[in-house]
Amino acid sequence: MADQTQPEITRLLLAWEGGDGEAFDKLIPLVYPELRRL
């Protein structure tokens, strides 16, 4: 995962935790490739 996406991922996780459903939709394309690789 690229270092420059980490702050964005953190921001989206916090937004999702706060109830922002759209944040989840934006988060998945950023993290899915790395999760799949693992």
N, C-alpha and C. Protein backbone atom coordinates (compact mmCIF):
# COMPACT_ATOMS: atom_id res chain seq x y z
N MET A 1 0.85 -1.17 0.00
CA MET A 1 0.00 0.00 0.00
C MET A 1 0.90 1.24 0.00
N ALA A 2 0.59 2.14 -0.85
CA ALA A 2 1.42 3.34 -0.98
C ALA A 2 1.30 4.22 0.27
N ASP A 3 2.42 4.77 0.67
CA ASP A 3 2.44 5.62 1.87
C ASP A 3 1.50 6.81 1.77
N GLN A 4 1.33 7.34 0.56
CA GLN A 4 0.48 8.52 0.42
C GLN A 4 -1.00 8.20 0.60
N THR A 5 -1.39 6.93 0.51
CA THR A 5 -2.81 6.59 0.71
C THR A 5 -3.14 6.34 2.18
N GLN A 6 -2.14 6.16 3.01
CA GLN A 6 -2.40 5.84 4.42
C GLN A 6 -3.20 6.93 5.14
N PRO A 7 -2.88 8.21 4.98
CA PRO A 7 -3.72 9.23 5.66
C PRO A 7 -5.17 9.21 5.15
N GLU A 8 -5.34 8.95 3.87
CA GLU A 8 -6.69 8.88 3.31
C GLU A 8 -7.45 7.68 3.89
N ILE A 9 -6.77 6.56 4.01
CA ILE A 9 -7.40 5.37 4.59
C ILE A 9 -7.80 5.64 6.04
N THR A 10 -6.93 6.26 6.79
CA THR A 10 -7.25 6.59 8.19
C THR A 10 -8.45 7.52 8.26
N ARG A 11 -8.47 8.53 7.41
CA ARG A 11 -9.59 9.47 7.38
C ARG A 11 -10.90 8.75 7.06
N LEU A 12 -10.85 7.85 6.07
CA LEU A 12 -12.05 7.12 5.69
C LEU A 12 -12.50 6.16 6.79
N LEU A 13 -11.56 5.52 7.45
CA LEU A 13 -11.92 4.63 8.56
C LEU A 13 -12.61 5.40 9.68
N LEU A 14 -12.09 6.57 9.99
CA LEU A 14 -12.70 7.39 11.03
C LEU A 14 -14.09 7.87 10.62
N ALA A 15 -14.23 8.23 9.36
CA ALA A 15 -15.54 8.67 8.87
C ALA A 15 -16.53 7.51 8.90
N TRP A 16 -16.09 6.32 8.51
CA TRP A 16 -16.95 5.14 8.52
C TRP A 16 -17.38 4.82 9.95
N GLU A 17 -16.42 4.89 10.87
CA GLU A 17 -16.71 4.65 12.29
C GLU A 17 -17.76 5.65 12.79
N GLY A 18 -17.71 6.86 12.25
CA GLY A 18 -18.65 7.90 12.65
C GLY A 18 -20.00 7.79 11.96
N GLY A 19 -20.18 6.76 11.13
CA GLY A 19 -21.48 6.54 10.51
C GLY A 19 -21.60 6.95 9.06
N ASP A 20 -20.51 7.34 8.44
CA ASP A 20 -20.53 7.75 7.03
C ASP A 20 -20.45 6.51 6.14
N GLY A 21 -21.59 6.11 5.60
CA GLY A 21 -21.64 4.93 4.75
C GLY A 21 -20.88 5.09 3.45
N GLU A 22 -20.81 6.29 2.93
CA GLU A 22 -20.06 6.54 1.70
C GLU A 22 -18.57 6.31 1.90
N ALA A 23 -18.08 6.53 3.11
CA ALA A 23 -16.66 6.32 3.40
C ALA A 23 -16.28 4.87 3.15
N PHE A 24 -17.16 3.94 3.51
CA PHE A 24 -16.89 2.52 3.28
C PHE A 24 -16.74 2.25 1.78
N ASP A 25 -17.62 2.82 0.98
CA ASP A 25 -17.56 2.63 -0.47
C ASP A 25 -16.27 3.16 -1.07
N LYS A 26 -15.74 4.21 -0.49
CA LYS A 26 -14.48 4.79 -0.97
C LYS A 26 -13.28 4.01 -0.42
N LEU A 27 -13.45 3.41 0.74
CA LEU A 27 -12.37 2.70 1.41
C LEU A 27 -12.03 1.38 0.73
N ILE A 28 -13.04 0.63 0.35
CA ILE A 28 -12.82 -0.71 -0.18
C ILE A 28 -11.87 -0.74 -1.37
N PRO A 29 -12.02 0.11 -2.38
CA PRO A 29 -11.08 0.04 -3.50
C PRO A 29 -9.63 0.34 -3.09
N LEU A 30 -9.44 1.07 -2.01
CA LEU A 30 -8.09 1.39 -1.56
C LEU A 30 -7.44 0.23 -0.82
N VAL A 31 -8.21 -0.52 -0.05
CA VAL A 31 -7.62 -1.57 0.79
C VAL A 31 -7.77 -2.98 0.22
N TYR A 32 -8.75 -3.21 -0.64
CA TYR A 32 -9.02 -4.56 -1.12
C TYR A 32 -7.82 -5.20 -1.81
N PRO A 33 -7.12 -4.52 -2.71
CA PRO A 33 -5.98 -5.17 -3.36
C PRO A 33 -4.92 -5.65 -2.36
N GLU A 34 -4.67 -4.87 -1.33
CA GLU A 34 -3.67 -5.27 -0.33
C GLU A 34 -4.18 -6.45 0.50
N LEU A 35 -5.44 -6.42 0.88
CA LEU A 35 -6.01 -7.53 1.63
C LEU A 35 -5.98 -8.81 0.80
N ARG A 36 -6.28 -8.69 -0.46
CA ARG A 36 -6.26 -9.85 -1.35
C ARG A 36 -4.84 -10.41 -1.47
N ARG A 37 -3.86 -9.53 -1.53
CA ARG A 37 -2.47 -9.95 -1.65
C ARG A 37 -2.04 -10.75 -0.42
N LEU A 38 -2.55 -10.37 0.75
CA LEU A 38 -2.19 -11.06 1.98
C LEU A 38 -2.76 -12.46 2.00
